[in-house]
Amino acid sequence: MRWVFLALAVWGAVHPMYWFLAYMNEGHGFGALIEAWYVNASTTGLAWDLTISALTLTLWIAWDSVTSRDWLGLIAIPAIFGIGVSCALPLYLFLRTRPARAALPKAS
């Protein structure tokens, strides 16, 4: 299942970015992309849905990393805001489900 999460993370990075870049290649800039998120009630709802999901995922990753003392999952936080939830959530699940490291032997 772990590798399914990784494949979904790659897909979640590439597929949405394809559409964002296609939109921007039509002559629209980043500002127009942000404005398009609020063009009607439907897109505004989706923008808020993703914003709340991003905030929730960020809080979960931070809390889980602190309580488990497993810091590698924090890599997914920049992915949330730099790429998107569609990449960051499966990336975090990929990192979180990795095999545990072997325990170090106790010093005698």
Foldseek 3Di string as FASTA:
>chain_A
DLVVLQVQLVCLQPVVVVVVVVVVVVVDDPVVVVVVCPPDPVSVVVVVVQVVVLVVVQVVQVVVCVVVVPCPLNVLNCCCVVRHPSNSVSVSVSVVPDDDDDDDDDDD
